[in-house]
Amino acid sequence: MSNVPPIKTDPKYGYYPWWPEDGDDWIHPEDAELARGIIPSPRVFRRDGEQGEYVLLHYGDLQLRVKRTLWQAVEPEGFDIGDWVEVLSRGMRNTPRTAIIHEIHWDPKARALSYQVTENGVPVPNQYSGEDIRHVDPPKIES
């Protein structure tokens, strides 16, 4: 008998382009109303952990408890909602800025993730690819 720890399968990332089943049996009853407001959509959720028979999905500060359902898995690029990033100029295609990731969506036409950021609390209307951004440390607040 070996002392090998269980394989960690989370976090995983994916989105729900449809409502997974008829009715609400797949979602925790307390989360059904919230889920109906954000599913279906291109929002990319992070599945991270379990609570009883439910897996935990996170989208920024939002959390949903769902039973294992079919979703469209996507390959993460290392960014999450709330991350501080620098938007790169990329040959002056983008306005350079330091911002916070506000939304992560799957773009089915491009078959890629897209990111919306906020700058000083204001959403920037542009969508960025993973190549357009890079992680930065949040600014230090001096007291």
Protein backbone atom coordinates (compact mmCIF):
# COMPACT_ATOMS: atom_id res chain seq x y z
CA MET A 1 0.00 0.00 0.00
CA SER A 2 1.56 3.31 -1.06
CA ASN A 3 1.19 6.71 0.52
CA VAL A 4 0.56 8.44 -2.80
CA PRO A 5 -1.81 11.40 -2.35
CA PRO A 6 -4.98 11.43 -4.48
CA ILE A 7 -4.65 13.03 -7.89
CA LYS A 8 -5.74 16.66 -7.76
CA THR A 9 -8.16 17.20 -10.62
CA ASP A 10 -9.20 20.79 -9.83
CA PRO A 11 -9.15 23.55 -10.74
CA LYS A 12 -10.73 23.01 -14.12
CA TYR A 13 -12.25 25.69 -16.31
CA GLY A 14 -15.29 25.67 -18.56
CA TYR A 15 -18.50 27.38 -19.61
CA TYR A 16 -22.15 26.50 -20.12
CA PRO A 17 -23.43 27.46 -23.58
CA TRP A 18 -26.79 25.86 -22.65
CA TRP A 19 -28.81 25.06 -19.53
CA PRO A 20 -27.48 21.55 -18.72
CA GLU A 21 -30.72 19.64 -18.09
CA ASP A 22 -34.45 20.14 -17.94
CA GLY A 23 -35.31 21.69 -14.62
CA ASP A 24 -32.99 22.63 -11.77
CA ASP A 25 -32.03 19.19 -10.42
CA TRP A 26 -28.37 19.69 -11.34
CA ILE A 27 -27.92 22.80 -9.18
CA HIS A 28 -28.14 23.41 -5.44
CA PRO A 29 -31.64 24.80 -4.70
CA GLU A 30 -30.21 27.91 -3.00
CA ASP A 31 -28.13 28.71 -6.11
CA ALA A 32 -30.77 28.17 -8.83
CA GLU A 33 -31.83 31.83 -9.10
CA LEU A 34 -28.24 33.06 -9.39
CA ALA A 35 -27.44 30.33 -11.95
CA ARG A 36 -30.39 31.29 -14.14
CA GLY A 37 -28.97 34.83 -14.34
CA ILE A 38 -25.52 33.74 -15.52
CA ILE A 39 -26.07 30.43 -17.36
CA PRO A 40 -26.11 29.94 -20.30
CA SER A 41 -23.32 32.34 -21.20
CA PRO A 42 -19.74 32.45 -22.44
CA ARG A 43 -18.49 33.11 -18.87
CA VAL A 44 -15.62 30.79 -17.97
CA PHE A 45 -16.09 29.30 -14.49
CA ARG A 46 -13.36 27.80 -12.31
CA ARG A 47 -14.35 24.46 -10.80
CA ASP A 48 -12.47 24.18 -7.54
CA GLY A 49 -13.46 21.71 -4.87
CA GLU A 50 -16.50 19.86 -3.67
CA GLN A 51 -19.19 20.31 -1.03
CA GLY A 52 -21.04 17.05 -0.45
CA GLU A 53 -22.57 15.91 -3.73
CA TYR A 54 -21.90 19.27 -5.39
CA VAL A 55 -18.82 20.69 -7.07
CA LEU A 56 -18.01 24.35 -6.47
CA LEU A 57 -17.91 26.73 -9.41
CA HIS A 58 -16.41 30.18 -9.02
CA TYR A 59 -16.73 33.25 -11.20
CA GLY A 60 -14.92 35.99 -9.35
CA ASP A 61 -16.76 36.41 -6.05
CA LEU A 62 -19.76 34.38 -7.27
CA GLN A 63 -20.01 30.75 -6.23
CA LEU A 64 -22.39 28.08 -7.50
CA ARG A 65 -22.87 24.55 -6.22
CA VAL A 66 -23.70 22.14 -9.04
CA LYS A 67 -23.78 18.41 -9.56
CA ARG A 68 -21.30 17.10 -12.09
CA THR A 69 -22.77 18.10 -15.43
CA LEU A 70 -21.57 18.38 -18.97
CA TRP A 71 -19.97 21.68 -19.65
CA GLN A 72 -17.56 22.84 -22.32
CA ALA A 73 -14.09 22.53 -20.82
CA VAL A 74 -11.49 25.11 -21.84
CA GLU A 75 -7.74 25.22 -21.37
CA PRO A 76 -6.82 27.95 -18.85
CA GLU A 77 -4.15 30.52 -19.64
CA GLY A 78 -3.21 31.26 -16.04
CA PHE A 79 -5.48 34.25 -15.48
CA ASP A 80 -8.43 34.56 -13.08
CA ILE A 81 -10.98 37.24 -12.32
CA GLY A 82 -9.45 39.75 -9.93
CA ASP A 83 -5.89 39.34 -11.25
CA TRP A 84 -3.88 42.51 -11.82
CA VAL A 85 -2.55 42.67 -15.38
CA GLU A 86 -0.70 44.96 -17.69
CA VAL A 87 -2.32 45.42 -21.09
CA LEU A 88 0.54 45.32 -23.58
CA SER A 89 0.80 47.74 -26.51
CA ARG A 90 1.49 44.96 -29.05
CA GLY A 91 2.63 47.32 -31.79
CA MET A 92 0.26 50.07 -30.67
CA ARG A 93 -2.83 47.86 -31.21
CA ASN A 94 -3.74 48.32 -27.54
CA THR A 95 -3.61 51.26 -25.19
CA PRO A 96 -1.14 50.22 -22.49
CA ARG A 97 -2.72 50.19 -19.04
CA THR A 98 -2.65 48.45 -15.68
CA ALA A 99 -6.01 46.90 -14.92
CA ILE A 100 -7.92 44.14 -13.12
CA ILE A 101 -9.53 41.23 -14.96
CA HIS A 102 -13.28 41.68 -14.64
CA GLU A 103 -14.70 39.08 -17.06
CA ILE A 104 -13.37 35.93 -18.74
CA HIS A 105 -15.34 34.63 -21.71
CA TRP A 106 -14.98 31.88 -24.27
CA ASP A 107 -15.12 33.22 -27.83
CA PRO A 108 -16.42 30.30 -29.95
CA LYS A 109 -15.54 32.00 -33.26
CA ALA A 110 -11.91 32.57 -32.26
CA ARG A 111 -11.89 29.35 -30.18
CA ALA A 112 -10.03 31.27 -27.50
CA LEU A 113 -10.48 32.99 -24.16
CA SER A 114 -11.09 36.73 -24.06
CA TYR A 115 -10.64 39.04 -21.12
CA GLN A 116 -12.37 42.26 -20.14
CA VAL A 117 -10.60 44.47 -17.63
CA THR A 118 -11.44 47.41 -15.42
CA GLU A 119 -9.18 50.41 -14.99
CA ASN A 120 -9.77 52.46 -11.84
CA GLY A 121 -13.06 50.61 -11.37
CA VAL A 122 -14.35 51.44 -14.88
CA PRO A 123 -14.82 48.59 -17.40
CA VAL A 124 -12.68 48.98 -20.52
CA PRO A 125 -14.88 48.10 -23.52
CA ASN A 126 -12.13 46.18 -25.37
CA GLN A 127 -11.73 42.41 -25.18
CA TYR A 128 -8.15 41.16 -24.85
CA SER A 129 -6.49 37.86 -25.62
CA GLY A 130 -4.06 36.12 -23.30
CA GLU A 131 -1.25 37.45 -25.51
CA ASP A 132 -2.41 41.02 -24.85
CA ILE A 133 -1.96 40.84 -21.07
CA ARG A 134 0.58 39.79 -18.49
CA HIS A 135 0.44 39.47 -14.71
CA VAL A 136 1.65 42.34 -12.54
CA ASP A 137 1.71 42.83 -8.80
CA PRO A 138 -1.06 45.04 -7.41
CA PRO A 139 0.07 48.53 -6.48
CA LYS A 140 1.27 48.94 -2.92
CA ILE A 141 -0.92 51.19 -0.84
CA GLU A 142 1.14 53.40 1.40
CA SER A 143 -0.32 54.30 4.75
